[in-house]
Amino acid sequence: MAYEKSLAGGSSDHATTNDSDHTQQTPNRRRWTDVLMHRWPTALGVAVAALAAFDVDDGLEFAALTVLMALVYLGAAALDRRWIAWVVLLAGLAFLIPSTSEVVPSVVLLVATPVFLVLGVVRGEWQRYGGLPLQTAGMLAFGSIILVALFYVDPDLGGKLVGIAILSHAVWDAYHYLRDRVVTRSYAEFCAVCDVLLGAAILFMT
């Protein structure tokens, strides 16, 4: 009889332990799910930076990407549609000229700058403080750094300039994230995380 009670008690304790473990695992799983749902731009930024870091050679291969990051903000400001940031990014990545081409991708993206600028002026966006004028200045600044890195310094220094430009763009992302302007906060968060990790990887590996 005592043996049966012992077995019954043991089974009860075992069931209670299993229930307790299941109860603890469920909130933990739900917590991670909530984190991924709300912080998916951060997770995406980490994943993209990690994949890109495998291709780091001299850093110059990311020159076009740096120009594209600035162009995304300019396009969103010119069209006054914050979600356009994701569209411009995907379009830019899809239509980047392969590195085997004689055409420099960064130059192609810089040529797109006047198109967005004219479009924004026609739409009356030039009068919007912190919008098109600021993004034009940012495009000129980042574009100038990339042109210097590609054509006016040796590749070693050029690669480091690209890394510095990408890290600097993370500050640009953080500013727009905190102000909640020009681009969606999801894009600013994604870009900031990607910029910090990729820029640091370039400087460390070149």
C-alpha atoms as a PDB file:
ATOM      1  CA  MET A   1       0.000   0.000   0.000  1.00  0.00           C
ATOM      2  CA  ALA A   2       2.779   2.360   0.938  1.00  0.00           C
ATOM      3  CA  TYR A   3       4.595   1.290  -2.223  1.00  0.00           C
ATOM      4  CA  GLU A   4       1.519   2.156  -4.316  1.00  0.00           C
ATOM      5  CA  LYS A   5       1.263   5.547  -2.613  1.00  0.00           C
ATOM      6  CA  SER A   6       4.913   6.096  -3.259  1.00  0.00           C
ATOM      7  CA  LEU A   7       4.442   5.275  -6.914  1.00  0.00           C
ATOM      8  CA  ALA A   8       1.389   7.492  -7.087  1.00  0.00           C
ATOM      9  CA  GLY A   9       3.253  10.303  -5.370  1.00  0.00           C
ATOM     10  CA  GLY A  10       6.224   9.857  -7.668  1.00  0.00           C
ATOM     11  CA  SER A  11       3.981   9.953 -10.711  1.00  0.00           C
ATOM     12  CA  SER A  12       2.278  13.045  -9.392  1.00  0.00           C
ATOM     13  CA  ASP A  13       5.599  14.751  -8.709  1.00  0.00           C
ATOM     14  CA  HIS A  14       6.857  13.735 -12.154  1.00  0.00           C
ATOM     15  CA  ALA A  15       3.731  15.108 -13.809  1.00  0.00           C
ATOM     16  CA  THR A  16       4.001  18.303 -11.797  1.00  0.00           C
ATOM     17  CA  THR A  17       7.642  18.679 -12.830  1.00  0.00           C
ATOM     18  CA  ASN A  18       6.777  18.114 -16.505  1.00  0.00           C
ATOM     19  CA  ASP A  19       3.947  20.622 -16.302  1.00  0.00           C
ATOM     20  CA  SER A  20       6.275  23.126 -14.649  1.00  0.00           C
ATOM     21  CA  ASP A  21       8.934  22.625 -17.325  1.00  0.00           C
ATOM     22  CA  HIS A  22       6.344  22.986 -20.071  1.00  0.00           C
ATOM     23  CA  THR A  23       4.968  26.129 -18.426  1.00  0.00           C
ATOM     24  CA  GLN A  24       8.462  27.621 -18.293  1.00  0.00           C
ATOM     25  CA  GLN A  25       9.309  26.673 -21.873  1.00  0.00           C
ATOM     26  CA  THR A  26       6.112  28.149 -23.310  1.00  0.00           C
ATOM     27  CA  PRO A  27       6.690  31.728 -22.033  1.00  0.00           C
ATOM     28  CA  ASN A  28      10.335  31.522 -23.122  1.00  0.00           C
ATOM     29  CA  ARG A  29       9.322  30.451 -26.603  1.00  0.00           C
ATOM     30  CA  ARG A  30       6.666  33.161 -26.716  1.00  0.00           C
ATOM     31  CA  ARG A  31       9.188  35.732 -25.518  1.00  0.00           C
ATOM     32  CA  TRP A  32      11.602  34.903 -28.345  1.00  0.00           C
ATOM     33  CA  THR A  33       8.738  34.987 -30.841  1.00  0.00           C
ATOM     34  CA  ASP A  34       7.717  38.436 -29.607  1.00  0.00           C
ATOM     35  CA  VAL A  35      11.305  39.651 -29.852  1.00  0.00           C
ATOM     36  CA  LEU A  36      11.609  38.444 -33.444  1.00  0.00           C
ATOM     37  CA  MET A  37       8.264  39.975 -34.372  1.00  0.00           C
ATOM     38  CA  HIS A  38       9.147  43.390 -32.972  1.00  0.00           C
ATOM     39  CA  ARG A  39      12.876  43.383 -33.674  1.00  0.00           C
ATOM     40  CA  TRP A  40      12.851  41.676 -37.063  1.00  0.00           C
ATOM     41  CA  PRO A  41      14.728  44.623 -38.668  1.00  0.00           C
ATOM     42  CA  THR A  42      17.585  44.041 -36.221  1.00  0.00           C
ATOM     43  CA  ALA A  43      17.599  40.309 -36.963  1.00  0.00           C
ATOM     44  CA  LEU A  44      17.568  41.031 -40.695  1.00  0.00           C
ATOM     45  CA  GLY A  45      20.390  43.544 -40.348  1.00  0.00           C
ATOM     46  CA  VAL A  46      22.528  41.031 -38.451  1.00  0.00           C
ATOM     47  CA  ALA A  47      21.854  38.335 -41.058  1.00  0.00           C
ATOM     48  CA  VAL A  48      22.652  40.579 -44.041  1.00  0.00           C
ATOM     49  CA  ALA A  49      25.827  41.915 -42.416  1.00  0.00           C
ATOM     50  CA  ALA A  50      26.971  38.383 -41.562  1.00  0.00           C
ATOM     51  CA  LEU A  51      26.436  37.199 -45.135  1.00  0.00           C
ATOM     52  CA  ALA A  52      28.162  40.266 -46.574  1.00  0.00           C
ATOM     53  CA  ALA A  53      31.131  39.871 -44.219  1.00  0.00           C
ATOM     54  CA  PHE A  54      31.988  36.564 -45.886  1.00  0.00           C
ATOM     55  CA  ASP A  55      32.649  38.477 -49.133  1.00  0.00           C
ATOM     56  CA  VAL A  56      34.928  41.135 -47.667  1.00  0.00           C
ATOM     57  CA  ASP A  57      38.044  41.440 -49.808  1.00  0.00           C
ATOM     58  CA  ASP A  58      39.475  44.953 -49.839  1.00  0.00           C
ATOM     59  CA  GLY A  59      36.275  46.763 -48.846  1.00  0.00           C
ATOM     60  CA  LEU A  60      35.880  48.501 -52.192  1.00  0.00           C
ATOM     61  CA  GLU A  61      33.346  45.896 -53.278  1.00  0.00           C
ATOM     62  CA  PHE A  62      30.890  47.598 -50.896  1.00  0.00           C
ATOM     63  CA  ALA A  63      31.318  51.061 -52.415  1.00  0.00           C
ATOM     64  CA  ALA A  64      28.149  50.738 -54.512  1.00  0.00           C
ATOM     65  CA  LEU A  65      26.189  49.524 -51.485  1.00  0.00           C
ATOM     66  CA  THR A  66      27.253  52.627 -49.560  1.00  0.00           C
ATOM     67  CA  VAL A  67      25.999  54.874 -52.357  1.00  0.00           C
ATOM     68  CA  LEU A  68      22.753  52.895 -52.501  1.00  0.00           C
ATOM     69  CA  MET A  69      22.178  53.429 -48.775  1.00  0.00           C
ATOM     70  CA  ALA A  70      22.304  57.184 -49.265  1.00  0.00           C
ATOM     71  CA  LEU A  71      20.188  56.985 -52.432  1.00  0.00           C
ATOM     72  CA  VAL A  72      17.455  55.161 -50.506  1.00  0.00           C
ATOM     73  CA  TYR A  73      16.998  58.175 -48.220  1.00  0.00           C
ATOM     74  CA  LEU A  74      17.059  60.572 -51.144  1.00  0.00           C
ATOM     75  CA  GLY A  75      14.413  58.581 -53.006  1.00  0.00           C
ATOM     76  CA  ALA A  76      12.138  58.383 -49.966  1.00  0.00           C
ATOM     77  CA  ALA A  77      12.474  62.144 -49.404  1.00  0.00           C
ATOM     78  CA  ALA A  78      11.884  62.984 -53.065  1.00  0.00           C
ATOM     79  CA  LEU A  79       8.685  60.933 -53.214  1.00  0.00           C
ATOM     80  CA  ASP A  80       7.649  61.753 -49.637  1.00  0.00           C
ATOM     81  CA  ARG A  81       6.799  58.106 -49.061  1.00  0.00           C
ATOM     82  CA  ARG A  82       8.686  56.507 -46.206  1.00  0.00           C
ATOM     83  CA  TRP A  83       7.960  52.944 -47.296  1.00  0.00           C
ATOM     84  CA  ILE A  84       9.641  53.710 -50.635  1.00  0.00           C
ATOM     85  CA  ALA A  85      12.950  53.165 -48.798  1.00  0.00           C
ATOM     86  CA  TRP A  86      12.480  49.395 -48.962  1.00  0.00           C
ATOM     87  CA  VAL A  87      11.481  49.568 -52.628  1.00  0.00           C
ATOM     88  CA  VAL A  88      14.531  51.628 -53.621  1.00  0.00           C
ATOM     89  CA  LEU A  89      16.804  49.303 -51.654  1.00  0.00           C
ATOM     90  CA  LEU A  90      15.462  46.160 -53.319  1.00  0.00           C
ATOM     91  CA  ALA A  91      15.453  47.779 -56.761  1.00  0.00           C
ATOM     92  CA  GLY A  92      19.009  48.987 -56.294  1.00  0.00           C
ATOM     93  CA  LEU A  93      20.215  45.571 -55.177  1.00  0.00           C
ATOM     94  CA  ALA A  94      18.449  43.911 -58.108  1.00  0.00           C
ATOM     95  CA  PHE A  95      19.862  46.242 -60.736  1.00  0.00           C
ATOM     96  CA  LEU A  96      23.403  46.714 -59.505  1.00  0.00           C
ATOM     97  CA  ILE A  97      25.826  46.240 -62.384  1.00  0.00           C
ATOM     98  CA  PRO A  98      27.916  43.064 -61.856  1.00  0.00           C
ATOM     99  CA  SER A  99      31.471  43.718 -60.741  1.00  0.00           C
ATOM    100  CA  THR A 100      32.729  42.092 -63.956  1.00  0.00           C
ATOM    101  CA  SER A 101      31.241  44.935 -65.986  1.00  0.00           C
ATOM    102  CA  GLU A 102      33.362  47.875 -67.093  1.00  0.00           C
ATOM    103  CA  VAL A 103      30.680  50.191 -65.737  1.00  0.00           C
ATOM    104  CA  VAL A 104      31.281  51.160 -62.098  1.00  0.00           C
ATOM    105  CA  PRO A 105      28.063  50.480 -60.119  1.00  0.00           C
ATOM    106  CA  SER A 106      28.676  53.409 -57.756  1.00  0.00           C
ATOM    107  CA  VAL A 107      28.793  55.830 -60.693  1.00  0.00           C
ATOM    108  CA  VAL A 108      25.524  54.420 -62.072  1.00  0.00           C
ATOM    109  CA  LEU A 109      23.825  54.980 -58.713  1.00  0.00           C
ATOM    110  CA  LEU A 110      25.233  58.495 -58.466  1.00  0.00           C
ATOM    111  CA  VAL A 111      23.752  59.263 -61.886  1.00  0.00           C
ATOM    112  CA  ALA A 112      20.336  58.362 -60.456  1.00  0.00           C
ATOM    113  CA  THR A 113      20.729  61.143 -57.897  1.00  0.00           C
ATOM    114  CA  PRO A 114      19.713  64.027 -60.218  1.00  0.00           C
ATOM    115  CA  VAL A 115      16.634  62.059 -61.269  1.00  0.00           C
ATOM    116  CA  PHE A 116      15.351  61.846 -57.709  1.00  0.00           C
ATOM    117  CA  LEU A 117      16.428  65.431 -57.031  1.00  0.00           C
ATOM    118  CA  VAL A 118      14.510  66.853 -60.000  1.00  0.00           C
ATOM    119  CA  LEU A 119      11.498  64.714 -59.159  1.00  0.00           C
ATOM    120  CA  GLY A 120      11.531  65.972 -55.584  1.00  0.00           C
ATOM    121  CA  VAL A 121      11.841  69.624 -56.637  1.00  0.00           C
ATOM    122  CA  VAL A 122       8.941  69.246 -59.069  1.00  0.00           C
ATOM    123  CA  ARG A 123       6.855  67.751 -56.286  1.00  0.00           C
ATOM    124  CA  GLY A 124       7.682  70.712 -54.042  1.00  0.00           C
ATOM    125  CA  GLU A 125       9.705  68.689 -51.548  1.00  0.00           C
ATOM    126  CA  TRP A 126      12.666  71.083 -51.548  1.00  0.00           C
ATOM    127  CA  GLN A 127      10.894  73.329 -49.057  1.00  0.00           C
ATOM    128  CA  ARG A 128      10.512  70.562 -46.502  1.00  0.00           C
ATOM    129  CA  TYR A 129      13.153  71.058 -43.805  1.00  0.00           C
ATOM    130  CA  GLY A 130      15.072  67.910 -42.996  1.00  0.00           C
ATOM    131  CA  GLY A 131      13.750  66.229 -46.116  1.00  0.00           C
ATOM    132  CA  LEU A 132      15.093  66.604 -49.630  1.00  0.00           C
ATOM    133  CA  PRO A 133      17.738  69.293 -48.892  1.00  0.00           C
ATOM    134  CA  LEU A 134      19.268  67.258 -46.045  1.00  0.00           C
ATOM    135  CA  GLN A 135      19.188  64.029 -48.041  1.00  0.00           C
ATOM    136  CA  THR A 136      20.818  65.761 -51.009  1.00  0.00           C
ATOM    137  CA  ALA A 137      23.614  66.948 -48.735  1.00  0.00           C
ATOM    138  CA  GLY A 138      23.973  63.425 -47.357  1.00  0.00           C
ATOM    139  CA  MET A 139      24.094  61.972 -50.849  1.00  0.00           C
ATOM    140  CA  LEU A 140      26.819  64.431 -51.855  1.00  0.00           C
ATOM    141  CA  ALA A 141      28.840  63.677 -48.718  1.00  0.00           C
ATOM    142  CA  PHE A 142      28.691  59.888 -48.957  1.00  0.00           C
ATOM    143  CA  GLY A 143      29.027  59.943 -52.734  1.00  0.00           C
ATOM    144  CA  SER A 144      32.142  62.116 -52.524  1.00  0.00           C
ATOM    145  CA  ILE A 145      33.773  59.746 -50.022  1.00  0.00           C
ATOM    146  CA  ILE A 146      33.104  56.796 -52.314  1.00  0.00           C
ATOM    147  CA  LEU A 147      34.471  58.579 -55.394  1.00  0.00           C
ATOM    148  CA  VAL A 148      37.652  59.413 -53.483  1.00  0.00           C
ATOM    149  CA  ALA A 149      37.915  55.814 -52.278  1.00  0.00           C
ATOM    150  CA  LEU A 150      37.518  54.437 -55.799  1.00  0.00           C
ATOM    151  CA  PHE A 151      39.574  56.840 -57.896  1.00  0.00           C
ATOM    152  CA  TYR A 152      41.889  59.034 -55.834  1.00  0.00           C
ATOM    153  CA  VAL A 153      43.578  56.863 -53.201  1.00  0.00           C
ATOM    154  CA  ASP A 154      45.229  53.463 -53.135  1.00  0.00           C
ATOM    155  CA  PRO A 155      42.953  50.413 -52.646  1.00  0.00           C
ATOM    156  CA  ASP A 156      44.020  49.815 -49.030  1.00  0.00           C
ATOM    157  CA  LEU A 157      43.045  53.309 -47.953  1.00  0.00           C
ATOM    158  CA  GLY A 158      40.015  53.222 -50.233  1.00  0.00           C
ATOM    159  CA  GLY A 159      38.686  50.136 -48.510  1.00  0.00           C
ATOM    160  CA  LYS A 160      39.056  51.749 -45.110  1.00  0.00           C
ATOM    161  CA  LEU A 161      37.253  54.855 -46.381  1.00  0.00           C
ATOM    162  CA  VAL A 162      34.371  52.661 -47.453  1.00  0.00           C
ATOM    163  CA  GLY A 163      34.272  51.068 -43.994  1.00  0.00           C
ATOM    164  CA  ILE A 164      34.293  54.506 -42.349  1.00  0.00           C
ATOM    165  CA  ALA A 165      31.546  55.718 -44.675  1.00  0.00           C
ATOM    166  CA  ILE A 166      29.358  52.735 -43.798  1.00  0.00           C
ATOM    167  CA  LEU A 167      29.915  53.269 -40.070  1.00  0.00           C
ATOM    168  CA  SER A 168      29.126  56.960 -40.509  1.00  0.00           C
ATOM    169  CA  HIS A 169      25.903  56.044 -42.269  1.00  0.00           C
ATOM    170  CA  ALA A 170      24.880  54.134 -39.141  1.00  0.00           C
ATOM    171  CA  VAL A 171      24.829  57.490 -37.338  1.00  0.00           C
ATOM    172  CA  TRP A 172      22.648  58.828 -40.159  1.00  0.00           C
ATOM    173  CA  ASP A 173      20.289  55.879 -39.664  1.00  0.00           C
ATOM    174  CA  ALA A 174      20.168  56.393 -35.894  1.00  0.00           C
ATOM    175  CA  TYR A 175      19.290  60.080 -36.326  1.00  0.00           C
ATOM    176  CA  HIS A 176      16.380  59.302 -38.629  1.00  0.00           C
ATOM    177  CA  TYR A 177      15.245  56.431 -36.419  1.00  0.00           C
ATOM    178  CA  LEU A 178      15.089  58.664 -33.349  1.00  0.00           C
ATOM    179  CA  ARG A 179      13.414  61.512 -35.264  1.00  0.00           C
ATOM    180  CA  ASP A 180      11.136  59.052 -37.087  1.00  0.00           C
ATOM    181  CA  ARG A 181      11.525  60.917 -40.376  1.00  0.00           C
ATOM    182  CA  VAL A 182      12.028  60.318 -44.114  1.00  0.00           C
ATOM    183  CA  VAL A 183      12.165  56.493 -43.976  1.00  0.00           C
ATOM    184  CA  THR A 184      10.231  53.930 -41.967  1.00  0.00           C
ATOM    185  CA  ARG A 185      11.708  53.150 -38.572  1.00  0.00           C
ATOM    186  CA  SER A 186      11.971  49.509 -39.587  1.00  0.00           C
ATOM    187  CA  TYR A 187      14.292  50.450 -42.445  1.00  0.00           C
ATOM    188  CA  ALA A 188      16.363  52.822 -40.298  1.00  0.00           C
ATOM    189  CA  GLU A 189      16.759  50.112 -37.649  1.00  0.00           C
ATOM    190  CA  PHE A 190      17.740  47.479 -40.200  1.00  0.00           C
ATOM    191  CA  CYS A 191      20.208  49.759 -41.946  1.00  0.00           C
ATOM    192  CA  ALA A 192      21.812  50.982 -38.711  1.00  0.00           C
ATOM    193  CA  VAL A 193      22.472  47.458 -37.443  1.00  0.00           C
ATOM    194  CA  CYS A 194      23.780  46.309 -40.819  1.00  0.00           C
ATOM    195  CA  ASP A 195      25.991  49.404 -41.157  1.00  0.00           C
ATOM    196  CA  VAL A 196      27.599  49.023 -37.732  1.00  0.00           C
ATOM    197  CA  LEU A 197      28.413  45.343 -38.188  1.00  0.00           C
ATOM    198  CA  LEU A 198      29.492  45.534 -41.829  1.00  0.00           C
ATOM    199  CA  GLY A 199      31.515  48.724 -41.376  1.00  0.00           C
ATOM    200  CA  ALA A 200      33.331  47.227 -38.388  1.00  0.00           C
ATOM    201  CA  ALA A 201      33.987  44.010 -40.336  1.00  0.00           C
ATOM    202  CA  ILE A 202      35.486  45.936 -43.253  1.00  0.00           C
ATOM    203  CA  LEU A 203      37.808  47.964 -41.017  1.00  0.00           C
ATOM    204  CA  PHE A 204      38.844  44.853 -39.102  1.00  0.00           C
ATOM    205  CA  MET A 205      39.445  42.681 -42.163  1.00  0.00           C
ATOM    206  CA  THR A 206      41.173  45.172 -44.471  1.00  0.00           C
END
